[in-house]
Amino acid sequence: MTLNKYILLVILIGFIFCNITSVISEVTIIRDLPDSVAKGSTFTVSMSIDVNESDLPYVLGVSENIPPGLIVSSVSSNGFNFSGDKVEWLFLEPSRLTQIIAEGITFVNPLEDQNITYTLKVPRDFSEDTAIFSGINFFGGTTNPTGGKTELAIIGIAGDTNGDGDVDVADLVYTALRLDTTGTDGDANGDEIIDVADLVYIALRL
């Protein structure tokens, strides 16, 4: 390879790297979720979207894979598409949003710093100890995995304070005998204080 060709190759690689770096820095998406949840309970997954307003891409797609066995209860942000095992959003640079809506295209949100959330329910008969989350975002011709937490521990059954695998009057008695104490033994709602709120929590799940 001649020196001139070598120099051109170095310049080309540098150009590509700089442009990829620029594209990747335009949008950052981070997933947040609890460390653990109980079977029979619901929890919320939060997605923080941070955009570089000085260099916005025209469009951003966000796609979240729902772990098998979990049930989608709600999605907080407008403009989402739910397909059974995925929740997807489409975001447009704000100045183009009006035009797109006028053309009748749905599932569109303004592309700006924001949080989007979705709520999932864990069935009582969920068979796994861990739920694994994954997702992608795509913009500017690149596809990237969404950052943040990916694993959620699935523990016991919500309200099953005596650990027998069911929620019944025995759990009410078990917790009532431990009223006005602290810790996790008999604590139904996870605040590590055993009080009337725990009895109500159990009663609502009988």
Protein backbone atom coordinates (compact mmCIF):
# COMPACT_ATOMS: atom_id res chain seq x y z
CA MET A 1 0.00 0.00 0.00
CA THR A 2 1.41 3.41 -0.95
CA LEU A 3 1.79 6.17 1.60
CA ASN A 4 -1.00 8.24 0.01
CA LYS A 5 -3.44 5.30 0.11
CA TYR A 6 -2.48 4.63 3.72
CA ILE A 7 -3.14 8.26 4.67
CA LEU A 8 -6.52 8.20 2.90
CA LEU A 9 -7.46 5.00 4.74
CA VAL A 10 -6.56 6.51 8.12
CA ILE A 11 -8.61 9.62 7.31
CA LEU A 12 -11.58 7.48 6.22
CA ILE A 13 -11.48 5.37 9.40
CA GLY A 14 -11.24 8.52 11.50
CA PHE A 15 -14.20 10.06 9.67
CA ILE A 16 -16.35 6.95 10.21
CA PHE A 17 -15.38 6.73 13.90
CA CYS A 18 -16.15 10.39 14.54
CA ASN A 19 -19.53 10.12 12.87
CA ILE A 20 -20.47 6.93 14.72
CA THR A 21 -19.40 8.52 17.99
CA SER A 22 -21.50 11.56 17.18
CA VAL A 23 -24.56 9.45 16.37
CA ILE A 24 -24.23 7.32 19.51
CA SER A 25 -23.93 10.43 21.70
CA GLU A 26 -27.20 11.91 20.38
CA VAL A 27 -29.49 9.73 22.52
CA THR A 28 -28.94 7.79 25.75
CA ILE A 29 -31.62 5.43 27.09
CA ILE A 30 -31.33 3.83 30.53
CA ARG A 31 -33.71 1.21 31.97
CA ASP A 32 -34.48 1.16 35.68
CA LEU A 33 -36.44 -1.52 37.56
CA PRO A 34 -36.65 -2.91 41.11
CA ASP A 35 -34.05 -5.37 42.37
CA SER A 36 -36.79 -7.88 43.23
CA VAL A 37 -40.58 -8.32 43.23
CA ALA A 38 -42.94 -10.93 44.66
CA LYS A 39 -45.12 -13.26 42.63
CA GLY A 40 -48.65 -11.90 42.35
CA SER A 41 -47.50 -8.27 42.46
CA THR A 42 -47.02 -5.51 39.90
CA PHE A 43 -44.00 -3.31 39.28
CA THR A 44 -42.94 -0.48 36.99
CA VAL A 45 -40.09 -0.33 34.50
CA SER A 46 -38.82 3.19 33.84
CA MET A 47 -36.92 4.26 30.70
CA SER A 48 -35.07 7.58 30.87
CA ILE A 49 -34.44 9.22 27.49
CA ASP A 50 -31.64 11.80 27.35
CA VAL A 51 -31.20 13.56 24.03
CA ASN A 52 -28.55 15.96 22.76
CA GLU A 53 -30.80 18.84 21.75
CA SER A 54 -28.10 20.49 19.68
CA ASP A 55 -27.88 17.52 17.32
CA LEU A 56 -31.19 15.64 17.32
CA PRO A 57 -31.81 12.68 15.03
CA TYR A 58 -35.06 12.97 13.07
CA VAL A 59 -36.51 9.78 14.49
CA LEU A 60 -35.92 7.45 17.45
CA GLY A 61 -37.37 3.97 17.87
CA VAL A 62 -37.46 2.20 21.22
CA SER A 63 -38.35 -1.49 21.55
CA GLU A 64 -38.60 -3.43 24.82
CA ASN A 65 -38.83 -7.22 24.97
CA ILE A 66 -41.27 -8.39 27.65
CA PRO A 67 -39.80 -11.32 29.63
CA PRO A 68 -41.83 -14.51 28.97
CA GLY A 69 -44.60 -15.05 31.52
CA LEU A 70 -44.93 -11.43 32.63
CA ILE A 71 -48.11 -9.51 31.79
CA VAL A 72 -48.27 -5.89 30.60
CA SER A 73 -50.71 -3.94 32.81
CA SER A 74 -50.24 -0.42 31.49
CA VAL A 75 -47.95 1.92 29.56
CA SER A 76 -47.69 5.53 30.72
CA SER A 77 -46.57 7.25 27.54
CA ASN A 78 -48.89 7.93 24.62
CA GLY A 79 -47.91 6.65 21.21
CA PHE A 80 -46.86 3.12 22.04
CA ASN A 81 -47.49 -0.11 20.18
CA PHE A 82 -47.98 -3.35 22.14
CA SER A 83 -47.61 -6.61 20.24
CA GLY A 84 -47.78 -9.25 22.98
CA ASP A 85 -44.09 -9.76 23.63
CA LYS A 86 -42.86 -6.23 22.86
CA VAL A 87 -43.68 -2.65 23.74
CA GLU A 88 -42.48 -0.16 21.13
CA TRP A 89 -42.41 3.61 20.82
CA LEU A 90 -41.67 5.96 17.93
CA PHE A 91 -40.30 9.45 18.62
CA LEU A 92 -39.91 12.31 16.13
CA GLU A 93 -37.91 15.51 16.33
CA PRO A 94 -40.54 18.03 17.60
CA SER A 95 -40.55 20.35 14.55
CA ARG A 96 -41.63 17.39 12.38
CA LEU A 97 -44.29 16.05 14.73
CA THR A 98 -47.19 18.20 13.46
CA GLN A 99 -46.56 17.22 9.86
CA ILE A 100 -46.41 13.51 10.69
CA ILE A 101 -49.63 13.61 12.73
CA ALA A 102 -51.36 15.49 9.89
CA GLU A 103 -50.43 12.62 7.57
CA GLY A 104 -52.24 10.18 9.84
CA ILE A 105 -49.26 8.22 11.18
CA THR A 106 -49.77 6.98 14.74
CA PHE A 107 -47.42 5.83 17.52
CA VAL A 108 -45.47 9.09 17.49
CA ASN A 109 -44.09 11.04 20.47
CA PRO A 110 -41.93 14.18 20.52
CA LEU A 111 -38.22 13.44 20.75
CA GLU A 112 -37.04 15.17 23.93
CA ASP A 113 -35.67 14.40 27.39
CA GLN A 114 -38.37 12.38 29.14
CA ASN A 115 -39.24 9.22 31.07
CA ILE A 116 -41.48 6.51 29.68
CA THR A 117 -42.75 3.68 31.85
CA TYR A 118 -44.64 0.44 31.61
CA THR A 119 -46.14 -1.70 34.38
CA LEU A 120 -45.93 -5.48 34.50
CA LYS A 121 -47.65 -8.09 36.63
CA VAL A 122 -45.93 -11.25 37.88
CA PRO A 123 -48.42 -14.17 37.95
CA ARG A 124 -48.56 -16.17 41.17
CA ASP A 125 -47.54 -19.28 39.25
CA PHE A 126 -44.48 -17.66 37.63
CA SER A 127 -41.96 -20.50 37.43
CA GLU A 128 -38.63 -18.65 37.13
CA ASP A 129 -36.45 -17.08 39.82
CA THR A 130 -35.25 -14.31 37.51
CA ALA A 131 -36.76 -12.22 34.71
CA ILE A 132 -34.31 -10.97 32.07
CA PHE A 133 -34.99 -7.67 30.31
CA SER A 134 -33.62 -6.57 26.96
CA GLY A 135 -34.37 -3.97 24.34
CA ILE A 136 -32.94 -1.84 21.59
CA ASN A 137 -33.11 1.72 20.35
CA PHE A 138 -32.42 2.78 16.82
CA PHE A 139 -31.67 6.19 15.33
CA GLY A 140 -29.31 7.79 12.85
CA GLY A 141 -28.77 4.50 11.07
CA THR A 142 -27.52 2.69 14.21
CA THR A 143 -29.10 0.10 16.49
CA ASN A 144 -27.97 -0.05 20.12
CA PRO A 145 -28.93 -2.15 23.16
CA THR A 146 -30.75 -0.14 25.81
CA GLY A 147 -28.59 0.46 28.90
CA GLY A 148 -29.35 0.05 32.57
CA LYS A 149 -30.69 -2.87 34.60
CA THR A 150 -31.45 -6.17 32.89
CA GLU A 151 -32.19 -8.65 35.71
CA LEU A 152 -35.09 -8.82 38.17
CA ALA A 153 -35.24 -11.36 41.01
CA ILE A 154 -38.65 -13.00 41.50
CA ILE A 155 -39.32 -13.91 45.13
CA GLY A 156 -42.18 -15.59 47.12
CA ILE A 157 -45.84 -14.78 46.68
CA ALA A 158 -47.09 -11.32 47.65
CA GLY A 159 -48.91 -11.65 51.00
CA ASP A 160 -47.61 -15.15 51.76
CA THR A 161 -45.92 -14.21 55.01
CA ASN A 162 -45.72 -17.74 56.44
CA GLY A 163 -44.10 -19.15 53.30
CA ASP A 164 -46.52 -22.02 52.64
CA GLY A 165 -47.08 -21.03 49.00
CA ASP A 166 -50.60 -19.66 49.50
CA VAL A 167 -52.24 -16.47 50.78
CA ASP A 168 -54.94 -17.26 53.33
CA VAL A 169 -56.15 -16.60 56.89
CA ALA A 170 -53.04 -18.31 58.23
CA ASP A 171 -50.97 -15.43 56.85
CA LEU A 172 -53.20 -12.91 58.64
CA VAL A 173 -52.66 -14.76 61.91
CA TYR A 174 -48.91 -15.11 61.28
CA THR A 175 -48.53 -11.37 60.71
CA ALA A 176 -50.96 -10.34 63.48
CA LEU A 177 -48.79 -12.18 66.01
CA ARG A 178 -45.86 -10.01 64.93
CA LEU A 179 -47.57 -6.59 64.95
CA ASP A 180 -45.52 -3.59 66.08
CA THR A 181 -42.19 -5.28 65.34
CA THR A 182 -39.62 -4.60 62.64
CA GLY A 183 -37.86 -6.81 60.14
CA THR A 184 -38.95 -9.09 57.33
CA ASP A 185 -40.64 -11.90 59.29
CA GLY A 186 -44.35 -11.22 58.84
CA ASP A 187 -43.76 -8.13 56.71
CA ALA A 188 -46.18 -8.36 53.77
CA ASN A 189 -45.73 -5.01 52.02
CA GLY A 190 -41.93 -4.83 52.15
CA ASP A 191 -41.47 -1.77 54.37
CA GLU A 192 -39.87 -3.85 57.18
CA ILE A 193 -42.47 -2.59 59.66
CA ILE A 194 -45.16 -5.05 60.71
CA ASP A 195 -48.39 -3.11 61.26
CA VAL A 196 -52.03 -2.88 60.21
CA ALA A 197 -50.96 -1.97 56.66
CA ASP A 198 -49.55 -5.50 56.30
CA LEU A 199 -52.86 -7.04 57.40
CA VAL A 200 -54.69 -4.95 54.81
CA TYR A 201 -52.13 -5.95 52.16
CA ILE A 202 -52.75 -9.64 52.89
CA ALA A 203 -56.53 -9.28 53.09
CA LEU A 204 -56.67 -7.72 49.62
CA ARG A 205 -54.93 -10.82 48.23
CA LEU A 206 -57.01 -13.53 49.91
